[in-house]
Amino acid sequence: MWPIYKKIKMKKILKDKWYWLTLGLMSALFYVLNLNTAMWGDDYLYTLLPKDWLVRCTTVGQYIKTMPAFYMHVNGRIADMMLRFTTSLLGMQVFNVMNTLVFALMVHLMASIVSRKRSVWLLLLIEAYVLLLIPFPGETMLWMAGAFNYMWSCTATLAVVKLLLVYGDREDHGPLRWWQGMLLGVAGFVAGAMNESFSAAVVAGLVCYCTIYRKKLCAAQWIIIVAYVLGLVLVVLSPGAWARLDTGAAVNFKMGTMQLLTQRVYNLMTKTCHFITPVLGFVVVALLLWRKGIKHASSNVLHWLLAGAMVSVLVFGLITYRAYMWYSVVGLLVIAVPLASWLDERVRWQRVLAAVCTIACIYPAVMAVQETAECKAFDDQMVSDIMESPDGVVLARRGPSRANFCHVQNYDNRESTWRNQFMSRYYGKDNVQFVDSMVYAHYRDTCLFMDGAQKLDFESSYPQYIPALYSLGKAGCVVAPVDYGKVTEDRGGISRMYFKDLAAYVGSERIEQQKLFGTYREFVPCRVYHLMRDGKAYLVAPALSDSVVSIDIDARVDGKELYISFTRK
């Protein structure tokens, strides 16, 4: 039997050779883009041990031992657990290969969900979508942390959808063996536990599909759906996930009812239209309802998944654009299904669409390679500067202008300081900081860092920890000498000051956006950082305007959170 099966399988592969060749070329382009993507942000964080952010994870034993702490204090996402294993133990080169294979699988699953035939035009349509429309591919598909949480999660969910469709199309299911049920359950559970922003949307759609669409589901489909829901429950029960929600970092419910409703509806309308494929997907569903009736439209699980994604967007009002990847992808699938049906016997139109998609892909593909290469060269130079600097203090630099296929990295303390702490551990430095030219010149050229400092007229609420603020005129900044033995800058330590300086921010676009999303605060946060010099630590912040009346510093003193306030006398 095996030689016969092998011969039949080979004939089928040769018949679809242009399909596999096209998918291979798409994957090769993606691999090049992945090679041009550097580590960033959470990639460094997940190389460290949870609850001890100053120690790198270097062995499988450490990884396994700290998994419960990761679940309790970070989150329960399987995507992040896979990310942590890859960043700590496998490295970027292995990830680039793995990520390319997952990309190929995602594209193949999308094509197979849309049509049973292996069509080159469909692959080219998906490639055009990836290059032109998918939300921020540099963050959702190339960046290590983003790829695991979005592209890998999307691929896992697409695999679940494909299994549901396969078992739904079978008229004679036959008995389900125990090992088959176990495999289906594991697949559904892992997909559901990958990322809650995906799983919540999918579960909403599947619940509607199971309760409203009355066709009897087989045992295999029920196993997949229940396991997927249990995977979501695992993530939702993670204390780390609730802690993240409580911070309002991604989702905010702390606003009035009317403001909450207005913001959610406004966000739903803008995001649905912004990403194009969701709004076109709803147009397709409306046309099917009009022409073929509700029974036909409701029988397609993709329609319910699109509706579930819409409900998820409405309820959570997500701000980060990359969180809309599933909403965008399922919108494309809804559009492509009737398109594939219409093109099924129209070979000439298939060729026309394939040619149009190919032409549409050429320029963005060339630009993607060029932009990612520029970003990679910039990142490599900054890493080289860090490694060559004996103390890790280097000149801040802004990355290339933002591009669609780049997760652009700006090496500037004004944007992030916690990241610097993780980088310092990763590169074996005591302190990694990115400072502007004035601070850098003063730091390098002055024998004593506080030379020329003038004390500011502010009174400290805890002078035993941070007694005073000084203006360092030559460096154009404010400096506070810190007892680094007590006031530390580990994760959760000093990373921001909060200025009460409302006059300087009235009418700013950022404040208006914060008011719209309910995240506005009276005190304006400002990034700060530590510099180590002459055996002492200095907290450095931008120069203060005369309108600043008070400052709060969220510090960690002797391992405990403490607010240190400065009030102008």
Protein backbone atom coordinates (compact mmCIF):
# COMPACT_ATOMS: atom_id res chain seq x y z
CA MET A 1 0.00 0.00 0.00
CA TRP A 2 2.74 2.49 0.83
CA PRO A 3 4.37 2.61 -2.66
CA ILE A 4 0.91 3.09 -4.24
CA TYR A 5 -0.03 5.82 -1.76
CA LYS A 6 3.33 7.49 -2.24
CA LYS A 7 2.86 7.45 -6.03
CA ILE A 8 -0.62 8.96 -5.79
CA LYS A 9 0.60 11.61 -3.35
CA MET A 10 3.51 12.56 -5.60
CA LYS A 11 1.18 12.92 -8.59
CA LYS A 12 -0.99 15.31 -6.60
CA ILE A 13 2.01 17.37 -5.52
CA LEU A 14 3.28 17.59 -9.11
CA LYS A 15 -0.18 18.60 -10.26
CA ASP A 16 -0.15 21.46 -7.76
CA LYS A 17 3.51 22.35 -8.37
CA TRP A 18 2.77 25.99 -9.23
CA TYR A 19 0.84 26.36 -5.98
CA TRP A 20 3.73 25.01 -3.89
CA LEU A 21 6.29 27.01 -5.87
CA THR A 22 4.35 30.23 -5.28
CA LEU A 23 4.02 29.44 -1.57
CA GLY A 24 7.76 28.74 -1.45
CA LEU A 25 8.60 32.09 -3.05
CA MET A 26 6.29 33.89 -0.61
CA SER A 27 7.99 32.11 2.29
CA ALA A 28 11.46 32.97 0.96
CA LEU A 29 10.53 36.67 0.89
CA PHE A 30 9.16 36.41 4.41
CA TYR A 31 12.37 34.72 5.60
CA VAL A 32 14.44 37.61 4.23
CA LEU A 33 12.21 40.07 6.08
CA ASN A 34 12.58 38.01 9.26
CA LEU A 35 16.38 38.07 8.94
CA ASN A 36 16.13 41.87 8.86
CA THR A 37 14.20 42.01 12.15
CA ALA A 38 16.04 42.53 15.44
CA MET A 39 15.16 41.77 19.06
CA TRP A 40 13.17 44.42 20.87
CA GLY A 41 11.16 45.21 24.00
CA ASP A 42 9.44 42.09 25.33
CA ASP A 43 11.98 39.90 23.51
CA TYR A 44 14.58 41.01 26.07
CA LEU A 45 12.10 40.79 28.95
CA TYR A 46 11.28 37.14 28.31
CA THR A 47 14.93 36.10 28.46
CA LEU A 48 14.78 36.91 32.20
CA LEU A 49 13.26 34.97 35.09
CA PRO A 50 9.79 36.01 36.31
CA LYS A 51 9.86 37.56 39.79
CA ASP A 52 13.60 38.09 39.33
CA TRP A 53 13.97 40.39 36.35
CA LEU A 54 17.71 40.74 36.86
CA VAL A 55 18.65 37.12 36.07
CA ARG A 56 18.67 35.51 32.63
CA CYS A 57 17.01 32.16 31.97
CA THR A 58 19.64 29.93 30.38
CA THR A 59 18.56 26.32 30.98
CA VAL A 60 15.50 24.17 30.37
CA GLY A 61 15.40 23.42 34.08
CA GLN A 62 15.12 27.12 34.95
CA TYR A 63 12.41 27.53 32.36
CA ILE A 64 10.30 24.67 33.70
CA LYS A 65 10.84 25.65 37.33
CA THR A 66 9.64 29.22 36.79
CA MET A 67 6.57 28.43 34.63
CA PRO A 68 4.13 28.63 37.60
CA ALA A 69 5.55 32.04 38.54
CA PHE A 70 5.17 33.16 34.94
CA TYR A 71 1.50 32.12 34.94
CA MET A 72 0.82 33.85 38.26
CA HIS A 73 2.70 37.11 37.71
CA VAL A 74 2.89 37.67 33.92
CA ASN A 75 0.08 35.93 32.04
CA GLY A 76 -1.24 32.52 31.08
CA ARG A 77 -0.79 32.82 27.32
CA ILE A 78 0.80 29.81 25.69
CA ALA A 79 2.07 32.23 23.05
CA ASP A 80 4.16 34.04 25.65
CA MET A 81 5.39 30.79 27.14
CA MET A 82 6.57 29.74 23.68
CA LEU A 83 8.13 33.19 23.22
CA ARG A 84 10.01 32.87 26.50
CA PHE A 85 11.37 29.44 25.56
CA THR A 86 12.52 30.73 22.17
CA THR A 87 14.16 33.94 23.38
CA SER A 88 15.88 32.24 26.31
CA LEU A 89 17.03 28.96 24.81
CA LEU A 90 16.70 28.86 21.01
CA GLY A 91 17.63 32.33 19.79
CA MET A 92 16.79 34.50 16.79
CA GLN A 93 18.21 32.26 14.06
CA VAL A 94 16.04 29.31 15.04
CA PHE A 95 13.06 31.61 15.44
CA ASN A 96 13.49 33.00 11.92
CA VAL A 97 13.15 29.50 10.45
CA MET A 98 10.25 28.56 12.74
CA ASN A 99 8.44 31.81 12.01
CA THR A 100 8.77 31.34 8.25
CA LEU A 101 7.29 27.84 8.49
CA VAL A 102 4.36 29.17 10.53
CA PHE A 103 3.82 31.94 7.96
CA ALA A 104 3.68 29.33 5.19
CA LEU A 105 1.22 27.27 7.25
CA MET A 106 -0.96 30.33 7.92
CA VAL A 107 -1.16 31.22 4.23
CA HIS A 108 -1.89 27.60 3.27
CA LEU A 109 -4.64 27.34 5.89
CA MET A 110 -6.23 30.57 4.69
CA ALA A 111 -6.22 29.31 1.11
CA SER A 112 -7.58 25.87 2.05
CA ILE A 113 -10.39 27.40 4.15
CA VAL A 114 -11.46 29.58 1.22
CA SER A 115 -11.29 26.86 -1.45
CA ARG A 116 -10.61 23.12 -1.71
CA LYS A 117 -8.66 23.75 -4.90
CA ARG A 118 -5.02 24.81 -4.65
CA SER A 119 -5.17 28.04 -6.64
CA VAL A 120 -2.18 30.25 -7.38
CA TRP A 121 -4.39 33.32 -7.74
CA LEU A 122 -5.64 32.80 -4.17
CA LEU A 123 -2.09 32.68 -2.80
CA LEU A 124 -1.23 35.87 -4.69
CA LEU A 125 -4.37 37.54 -3.32
CA ILE A 126 -3.32 36.62 0.22
CA GLU A 127 0.23 37.88 -0.46
CA ALA A 128 -1.14 41.20 -1.70
CA TYR A 129 -3.23 41.38 1.47
CA VAL A 130 -0.17 40.68 3.66
CA LEU A 131 1.92 43.31 1.89
CA LEU A 132 -0.76 45.99 1.69
CA LEU A 133 -3.53 45.54 4.27
CA ILE A 134 -2.71 43.28 7.22
CA PRO A 135 -2.33 45.37 10.42
CA PHE A 136 1.30 46.35 11.02
CA PRO A 137 3.06 43.20 9.77
CA GLY A 138 6.36 44.31 11.30
CA GLU A 139 4.71 44.01 14.73
CA THR A 140 2.25 41.18 14.13
CA MET A 141 4.40 38.85 12.01
CA LEU A 142 8.13 39.65 12.24
CA TRP A 143 8.85 41.00 15.72
CA MET A 144 9.40 37.96 17.93
CA ALA A 145 6.94 38.86 20.69
CA GLY A 146 4.36 40.09 18.19
CA ALA A 147 4.67 37.05 15.93
CA PHE A 148 3.97 34.56 18.73
CA ASN A 149 1.03 36.55 20.06
CA TYR A 150 -0.58 37.39 16.73
CA MET A 151 0.60 35.42 13.69
CA TRP A 152 1.14 32.16 15.59
CA SER A 153 -2.15 32.63 17.48
CA CYS A 154 -3.92 33.39 14.21
CA THR A 155 -2.44 30.26 12.60
CA ALA A 156 -3.51 28.06 15.52
CA THR A 157 -7.06 29.41 15.32
CA LEU A 158 -7.13 28.95 11.53
CA ALA A 159 -6.15 25.31 12.08
CA VAL A 160 -9.11 24.93 14.45
CA VAL A 161 -11.46 26.53 11.91
CA LYS A 162 -10.14 24.19 9.22
CA LEU A 163 -10.78 21.15 11.43
CA LEU A 164 -14.33 22.35 12.13
CA LEU A 165 -14.97 22.71 8.41
CA VAL A 166 -13.42 19.32 7.56
CA TYR A 167 -15.55 17.46 10.10
CA GLY A 168 -18.60 19.52 9.16
CA ASP A 169 -18.29 18.51 5.49
CA ARG A 170 -18.15 14.77 6.25
CA GLU A 171 -21.47 12.99 5.90
CA ASP A 172 -20.28 9.74 7.46
CA HIS A 173 -18.10 10.63 10.43
CA GLY A 174 -17.60 7.12 11.69
CA PRO A 175 -16.54 6.34 15.25
CA LEU A 176 -14.03 8.75 16.76
CA ARG A 177 -11.08 6.91 18.28
CA TRP A 178 -9.82 7.95 21.68
CA TRP A 179 -6.44 9.11 20.41
CA GLN A 180 -8.10 11.19 17.68
CA GLY A 181 -10.31 12.87 20.25
CA MET A 182 -7.29 13.53 22.45
CA LEU A 183 -5.34 15.11 19.59
CA LEU A 184 -8.31 17.29 18.64
CA GLY A 185 -8.75 18.34 22.26
CA VAL A 186 -5.08 19.28 22.64
CA ALA A 187 -5.14 21.24 19.37
CA GLY A 188 -8.28 23.15 20.40
CA PHE A 189 -6.97 23.82 23.91
CA VAL A 190 -3.59 25.12 22.74
CA ALA A 191 -5.22 27.38 20.13
CA GLY A 192 -7.68 28.76 22.68
CA ALA A 193 -4.92 29.48 25.20
CA MET A 194 -2.58 31.22 22.77
CA ASN A 195 -3.86 34.79 23.17
CA GLU A 196 -7.07 36.01 24.80
CA SER A 197 -7.62 38.84 22.29
CA PHE A 198 -7.96 36.19 19.57
CA SER A 199 -9.73 33.54 21.62
CA ALA A 200 -12.41 35.81 23.08
CA ALA A 201 -13.44 36.93 19.59
CA VAL A 202 -13.48 33.37 18.26
CA VAL A 203 -15.40 32.00 21.25
CA ALA A 204 -18.03 34.73 20.83
CA GLY A 205 -18.51 33.67 17.21
CA LEU A 206 -18.53 29.93 17.98
CA VAL A 207 -21.11 30.34 20.76
CA CYS A 208 -23.43 32.15 18.33
CA TYR A 209 -22.79 29.51 15.68
CA CYS A 210 -23.61 26.64 18.03
CA THR A 211 -26.75 28.23 19.52
CA ILE A 212 -28.31 29.93 16.49
CA TYR A 213 -27.30 27.67 13.60
CA ARG A 214 -29.28 24.49 14.27
CA LYS A 215 -27.29 21.95 12.27
CA LYS A 216 -26.17 19.09 14.48
CA LEU A 217 -22.47 19.17 15.27
CA CYS A 218 -20.49 15.95 15.37
CA ALA A 219 -18.48 14.75 18.38
CA ALA A 220 -15.17 15.90 16.88
CA GLN A 221 -16.50 19.44 16.41
CA TRP A 222 -17.79 19.56 19.98
CA ILE A 223 -14.43 18.38 21.32
CA ILE A 224 -12.61 21.10 19.38
CA ILE A 225 -14.99 23.86 20.49
CA VAL A 226 -15.10 22.87 24.16
CA ALA A 227 -11.32 22.50 24.29
CA TYR A 228 -10.89 25.90 22.66
CA VAL A 229 -13.17 27.49 25.28
CA LEU A 230 -11.22 25.78 28.08
CA GLY A 231 -8.00 27.18 26.62
CA LEU A 232 -9.45 30.67 26.84
CA VAL A 233 -10.54 29.99 30.43
CA LEU A 234 -6.95 29.05 31.31
CA VAL A 235 -5.71 32.45 30.14
CA VAL A 236 -8.58 34.36 31.75
CA LEU A 237 -7.94 32.71 35.13
CA SER A 238 -4.31 33.82 35.08
CA PRO A 239 -3.74 36.43 37.84
CA GLY A 240 -1.18 38.08 35.58
CA ALA A 241 -3.83 38.69 32.92
CA TRP A 242 -6.11 40.41 35.44
CA ALA A 243 -3.23 42.54 36.70
CA ARG A 244 -2.58 43.67 33.13
CA LEU A 245 -6.27 44.48 32.64
CA ASP A 246 -6.34 46.45 35.90
CA THR A 247 -3.56 48.73 34.69
CA GLY A 248 -5.62 49.81 31.69
CA ALA A 249 -2.59 49.22 29.48
CA ALA A 250 -4.64 47.73 26.65
CA VAL A 251 -8.29 47.88 27.73
CA ASN A 252 -9.98 50.51 29.86
CA PHE A 253 -13.40 50.21 31.52
CA LYS A 254 -12.89 52.97 34.12
CA MET A 255 -15.19 55.61 32.63
CA GLY A 256 -18.82 56.69 32.70
CA THR A 257 -21.50 54.62 30.95
CA MET A 258 -22.16 57.16 28.21
CA GLN A 259 -18.46 57.78 27.60
CA LEU A 260 -17.82 54.03 27.57
CA LEU A 261 -20.58 53.42 25.02
CA THR A 262 -19.57 56.36 22.82
CA GLN A 263 -15.91 55.41 22.82
CA ARG A 264 -16.63 51.77 22.02
CA VAL A 265 -18.97 52.54 19.12
CA TYR A 266 -16.61 55.17 17.73
CA ASN A 267 -13.69 52.76 17.98
CA LEU A 268 -15.66 49.95 16.29
CA MET A 269 -16.68 52.15 13.36
CA THR A 270 -13.21 53.59 12.76
CA LYS A 271 -11.32 50.30 13.08
CA THR A 272 -13.81 48.38 10.93
CA CYS A 273 -13.34 50.86 8.11
CA HIS A 274 -9.64 51.47 8.73
CA PHE A 275 -8.63 47.85 8.11
CA ILE A 276 -10.92 47.63 5.02
CA THR A 277 -11.47 43.85 4.96
CA PRO A 278 -13.90 43.78 7.94
CA VAL A 279 -16.24 46.35 6.39
CA LEU A 280 -16.08 44.56 3.02
CA GLY A 281 -16.77 41.30 4.84
CA PHE A 282 -19.95 42.72 6.33
CA VAL A 283 -20.98 43.96 2.88
CA VAL A 284 -20.56 40.40 1.55
CA VAL A 285 -22.66 38.98 4.42
CA ALA A 286 -25.38 41.58 3.78
CA LEU A 287 -25.48 40.70 0.07
CA LEU A 288 -25.76 36.99 0.88
CA LEU A 289 -28.61 37.71 3.31
CA TRP A 290 -30.40 39.70 0.62
CA ARG A 291 -29.91 37.20 -2.23
CA LYS A 292 -29.93 33.78 -0.53
CA GLY A 293 -31.63 34.34 2.79
CA ILE A 294 -30.66 34.04 6.43
CA LYS A 295 -30.45 30.24 6.43
CA HIS A 296 -27.66 30.20 3.84
CA ALA A 297 -25.77 33.13 5.40
CA SER A 298 -25.95 31.69 8.92
CA SER A 299 -24.63 28.28 7.86
CA ASN A 300 -21.11 29.64 7.27
CA VAL A 301 -19.01 29.59 10.44
CA LEU A 302 -16.78 32.36 9.03
CA HIS A 303 -19.70 34.79 9.16
CA TRP A 304 -20.18 34.07 12.84
CA LEU A 305 -16.45 34.44 13.48
CA LEU A 306 -16.54 37.87 11.84
CA ALA A 307 -19.51 38.81 14.01
CA GLY A 308 -17.68 37.54 17.09
CA ALA A 309 -14.63 39.62 16.22
CA MET A 310 -16.88 42.66 15.86
CA VAL A 311 -18.42 42.03 19.29
CA SER A 312 -14.95 41.67 20.79
CA VAL A 313 -13.86 45.01 19.30
CA LEU A 314 -17.03 46.67 20.58
CA VAL A 315 -16.70 45.34 24.13
CA PHE A 316 -12.97 45.78 24.69
CA GLY A 317 -12.29 48.88 22.59
CA LEU A 318 -8.69 47.84 21.99
CA ILE A 319 -6.27 50.70 21.29
CA THR A 320 -3.24 48.80 19.96
CA TYR A 321 -3.66 48.28 16.23
CA ARG A 322 -1.94 44.90 16.15
CA ALA A 323 -4.77 43.47 18.28
CA TYR A 324 -7.04 43.73 15.22
CA MET A 325 -5.17 41.15 13.17
CA TRP A 326 -7.83 38.43 13.56
CA TYR A 327 -10.64 40.90 12.77
CA SER A 328 -8.83 41.78 9.55
CA VAL A 329 -7.92 38.20 8.57
CA VAL A 330 -11.40 36.75 9.07
CA GLY A 331 -12.79 39.69 7.06
CA LEU A 332 -10.57 38.67 4.14
CA LEU A 333 -11.73 35.05 4.39
CA VAL A 334 -15.38 36.09 4.27
CA ILE A 335 -14.68 38.13 1.12
CA ALA A 336 -12.59 35.43 -0.57
CA VAL A 337 -15.08 32.54 -0.22
CA PRO A 338 -17.75 33.89 -2.64
CA LEU A 339 -14.98 35.28 -4.86
CA ALA A 340 -13.44 31.80 -5.15
CA SER A 341 -16.85 30.32 -5.90
CA TRP A 342 -17.44 32.85 -8.69
CA LEU A 343 -13.97 32.27 -10.20
CA ASP A 344 -14.18 28.48 -9.94
CA GLU A 345 -14.83 27.88 -13.67
CA ARG A 346 -13.59 31.24 -14.96
CA VAL A 347 -9.94 30.45 -15.71
CA ARG A 348 -9.38 33.66 -17.67
CA TRP A 349 -10.48 35.80 -14.76
CA GLN A 350 -8.29 33.77 -12.41
CA ARG A 351 -5.30 34.64 -14.56
CA VAL A 352 -6.28 38.30 -14.68
CA LEU A 353 -6.61 38.47 -10.88
CA ALA A 354 -3.30 36.61 -10.45
CA ALA A 355 -1.56 39.12 -12.75
CA VAL A 356 -3.11 42.10 -10.95
CA CYS A 357 -2.08 40.74 -7.53
CA THR A 358 1.45 40.02 -8.76
CA ILE A 359 1.86 43.57 -10.05
CA ALA A 360 0.41 44.93 -6.80
CA CYS A 361 2.96 42.92 -4.78
CA ILE A 362 6.15 43.99 -6.59
CA TYR A 363 6.63 47.52 -5.23
CA PRO A 364 5.60 46.84 -1.59
CA ALA A 365 7.80 43.71 -1.54
CA VAL A 366 10.85 45.67 -2.72
CA MET A 367 10.12 48.44 -0.22
CA ALA A 368 9.62 45.93 2.61
CA VAL A 369 13.06 44.40 1.99
CA GLN A 370 14.69 47.82 1.73
CA GLU A 371 13.00 49.24 4.84
CA THR A 372 13.69 46.21 7.02
CA ALA A 373 17.32 46.14 5.86
CA GLU A 374 17.73 49.81 6.87
CA CYS A 375 16.19 49.13 10.27
CA LYS A 376 18.39 46.07 10.82
CA ALA A 377 21.55 48.04 9.96
CA PHE A 378 20.49 50.74 12.43
CA ASP A 379 19.76 48.17 15.16
CA ASP A 380 23.06 46.39 14.60
CA GLN A 381 24.96 49.67 14.92
CA MET A 382 23.23 50.53 18.20
CA VAL A 383 23.96 47.07 19.64
CA SER A 384 27.59 47.49 18.58
CA ASP A 385 27.70 50.88 20.37
CA ILE A 386 26.28 49.30 23.53
CA MET A 387 28.79 46.47 23.49
CA GLU A 388 31.75 48.81 22.90
CA SER A 389 30.72 51.28 25.62
CA PRO A 390 32.30 50.23 28.93
CA ASP A 391 29.30 51.49 30.95
CA GLY A 392 26.53 51.05 28.38
CA VAL A 393 25.75 54.78 28.15
CA VAL A 394 25.42 55.70 24.46
CA LEU A 395 24.07 58.55 22.39
CA ALA A 396 20.32 58.34 21.80
CA ARG A 397 19.31 57.89 18.19
CA ARG A 398 16.01 57.78 16.39
CA GLY A 399 15.33 54.90 14.03
CA PRO A 400 14.34 55.20 10.37
CA SER A 401 10.95 56.73 9.66
CA ARG A 402 8.10 54.35 10.39
CA ALA A 403 7.41 51.84 7.64
CA ASN A 404 4.75 49.19 7.20
CA PHE A 405 7.08 46.22 7.49
CA CYS A 406 9.35 47.51 10.26
CA HIS A 407 8.99 47.39 13.98
CA VAL A 408 10.89 50.67 14.19
CA GLN A 409 13.04 50.97 17.27
CA ASN A 410 14.02 54.28 18.77
CA TYR A 411 16.91 54.11 21.21
CA ASP A 412 15.73 56.95 23.38
CA ASN A 413 14.98 57.04 27.10
CA ARG A 414 12.03 59.32 26.48
CA GLU A 415 10.08 56.36 25.08
CA SER A 416 11.03 53.55 27.44
CA THR A 417 13.29 52.95 30.40
CA TRP A 418 12.24 49.51 31.68
CA ARG A 419 13.47 48.09 28.38
CA ASN A 420 16.95 49.39 29.14
CA GLN A 421 17.14 47.32 32.30
CA PHE A 422 16.36 44.14 30.37
CA MET A 423 18.90 45.03 27.68
CA SER A 424 21.56 45.60 30.32
CA ARG A 425 21.09 42.05 31.60
CA TYR A 426 20.99 40.60 28.09
CA TYR A 427 24.21 42.34 27.00
CA GLY A 428 26.00 41.91 30.34
CA LYS A 429 26.15 45.61 31.27
CA ASP A 430 25.51 47.20 34.64
CA ASN A 431 23.52 50.01 33.07
CA VAL A 432 22.28 50.64 29.51
CA GLN A 433 21.01 54.15 28.84
CA PHE A 434 20.35 56.22 25.71
CA VAL A 435 20.95 59.91 26.38
CA ASP A 436 20.68 63.04 24.24
CA SER A 437 23.73 64.87 22.92
CA MET A 438 23.86 67.49 25.71
CA VAL A 439 23.71 64.93 28.54
CA TYR A 440 26.13 62.67 26.67
CA ALA A 441 28.69 65.46 26.22
CA HIS A 442 28.44 66.49 29.89
CA TYR A 443 28.65 62.88 31.03
CA ARG A 444 31.79 62.20 28.98
CA ASP A 445 33.64 65.51 29.31
CA THR A 446 33.02 66.48 32.96
CA CYS A 447 35.09 65.00 35.76
CA LEU A 448 32.22 65.20 38.26
CA PHE A 449 28.68 64.74 36.94
CA MET A 450 27.16 67.39 39.26
CA ASP A 451 29.58 70.15 38.20
CA GLY A 452 27.57 73.35 37.64
CA ALA A 453 24.37 71.97 39.21
CA GLN A 454 21.92 74.44 40.81
CA LYS A 455 19.46 73.34 43.49
CA LEU A 456 15.79 73.86 42.57
CA ASP A 457 13.23 75.33 44.96
CA PHE A 458 11.29 72.11 45.63
CA GLU A 459 10.63 70.37 48.95
CA SER A 460 10.88 66.57 49.14
CA SER A 461 8.36 64.47 51.08
CA TYR A 462 11.10 61.86 51.72
CA PRO A 463 14.42 63.73 51.94
CA GLN A 464 16.11 60.64 53.40
CA TYR A 465 15.74 58.91 50.00
CA ILE A 466 15.74 61.71 47.40
CA PRO A 467 16.59 64.95 49.19
CA ALA A 468 16.58 67.50 46.37
CA LEU A 469 16.33 68.27 42.66
CA TYR A 470 19.04 70.07 40.73
CA SER A 471 19.11 71.82 37.39
CA LEU A 472 22.08 70.79 35.28
CA GLY A 473 22.12 73.74 32.92
CA LYS A 474 24.88 72.58 30.59
CA ALA A 475 23.16 69.26 30.06
CA GLY A 476 19.66 70.74 29.83
CA CYS A 477 18.11 68.40 32.38
CA VAL A 478 17.02 67.94 36.00
CA VAL A 479 19.07 65.62 38.21
CA ALA A 480 18.28 64.03 41.56
CA PRO A 481 21.10 62.19 43.41
CA VAL A 482 19.71 58.81 44.54
CA ASP A 483 20.82 56.35 47.18
CA TYR A 484 21.00 53.41 44.77
CA GLY A 485 21.35 50.96 47.64
CA LYS A 486 17.79 51.79 48.73
CA VAL A 487 16.07 53.35 45.72
CA THR A 488 16.45 50.91 42.84
CA GLU A 489 15.48 50.85 39.19
CA ASP A 490 14.45 47.26 38.77
CA ARG A 491 11.14 46.51 37.04
CA GLY A 492 8.56 48.48 39.00
CA GLY A 493 11.16 50.94 40.26
CA ILE A 494 11.65 54.50 39.08
CA SER A 495 10.78 54.89 35.45
CA ARG A 496 8.53 57.96 35.44
CA MET A 497 7.95 61.31 37.02
CA TYR A 498 4.47 62.83 37.06
CA PHE A 499 4.44 66.58 36.47
CA LYS A 500 1.50 68.75 37.40
CA ASP A 501 2.02 71.15 34.53
CA LEU A 502 -1.36 71.43 32.88
CA ALA A 503 -0.67 74.69 31.07
CA ALA A 504 2.01 73.08 28.93
CA TYR A 505 -0.31 70.34 27.67
CA VAL A 506 -3.69 72.02 27.12
CA GLY A 507 -5.14 71.21 23.73
CA SER A 508 -2.43 68.71 22.79
CA GLU A 509 -3.50 65.89 20.49
CA ARG A 510 -2.30 63.25 22.92
CA ILE A 511 -4.38 64.69 25.78
CA GLU A 512 -7.47 64.78 23.56
CA GLN A 513 -6.92 61.13 22.62
CA GLN A 514 -6.48 60.19 26.28
CA LYS A 515 -9.75 61.93 27.14
CA LEU A 516 -11.51 60.07 24.34
CA PHE A 517 -10.31 56.67 25.57
CA GLY A 518 -10.72 57.53 29.25
CA THR A 519 -7.02 57.29 30.12
CA TYR A 520 -6.42 60.98 30.83
CA ARG A 521 -4.73 61.84 34.12
CA GLU A 522 -4.16 65.21 35.71
CA PHE A 523 -0.48 64.49 36.26
CA VAL A 524 1.50 64.23 33.03
CA PRO A 525 3.98 61.29 33.00
CA CYS A 526 7.52 61.90 31.87
CA ARG A 527 10.22 59.28 31.34
CA VAL A 528 13.26 59.36 33.60
CA TYR A 529 16.37 57.22 33.84
CA HIS A 530 19.40 56.47 36.01
CA LEU A 531 22.99 57.32 35.21
CA MET A 532 25.81 55.72 37.19
CA ARG A 533 28.86 57.96 37.64
CA ASP A 534 31.65 58.20 40.19
CA GLY A 535 30.15 55.33 42.19
CA LYS A 536 26.84 57.18 42.58
CA ALA A 537 23.44 57.05 40.89
CA TYR A 538 21.60 60.03 39.43
CA LEU A 539 17.97 60.21 38.41
CA VAL A 540 17.81 62.25 35.19
CA ALA A 541 14.69 63.96 33.81
CA PRO A 542 13.96 66.70 31.24
CA ALA A 543 14.29 70.32 32.32
CA LEU A 544 11.28 71.71 34.18
CA SER A 545 9.24 74.70 33.05
CA ASP A 546 8.30 77.41 35.56
CA SER A 547 4.67 76.27 35.42
CA VAL A 548 5.43 72.94 37.09
CA VAL A 549 4.01 73.13 40.61
CA SER A 550 4.57 69.59 41.86
CA ILE A 551 6.20 66.30 40.93
CA ASP A 552 5.46 62.73 42.00
CA ILE A 553 8.04 59.98 41.67
CA ASP A 554 6.84 56.38 41.82
CA ALA A 555 9.86 54.72 43.45
CA ARG A 556 10.80 51.35 44.87
CA VAL A 557 12.48 51.87 48.23
CA ASP A 558 13.87 48.89 50.12
CA GLY A 559 11.75 46.62 47.93
CA LYS A 560 8.48 48.51 48.56
CA GLU A 561 6.48 50.90 46.36
CA LEU A 562 6.64 54.51 47.55
CA TYR A 563 5.49 57.86 46.17
CA ILE A 564 8.04 60.60 46.69
CA SER A 565 6.54 64.05 46.11
CA PHE A 566 8.26 67.34 45.37
CA THR A 567 6.30 70.56 45.88
CA ARG A 568 7.46 73.98 44.74
CA LYS A 569 8.06 76.18 47.77
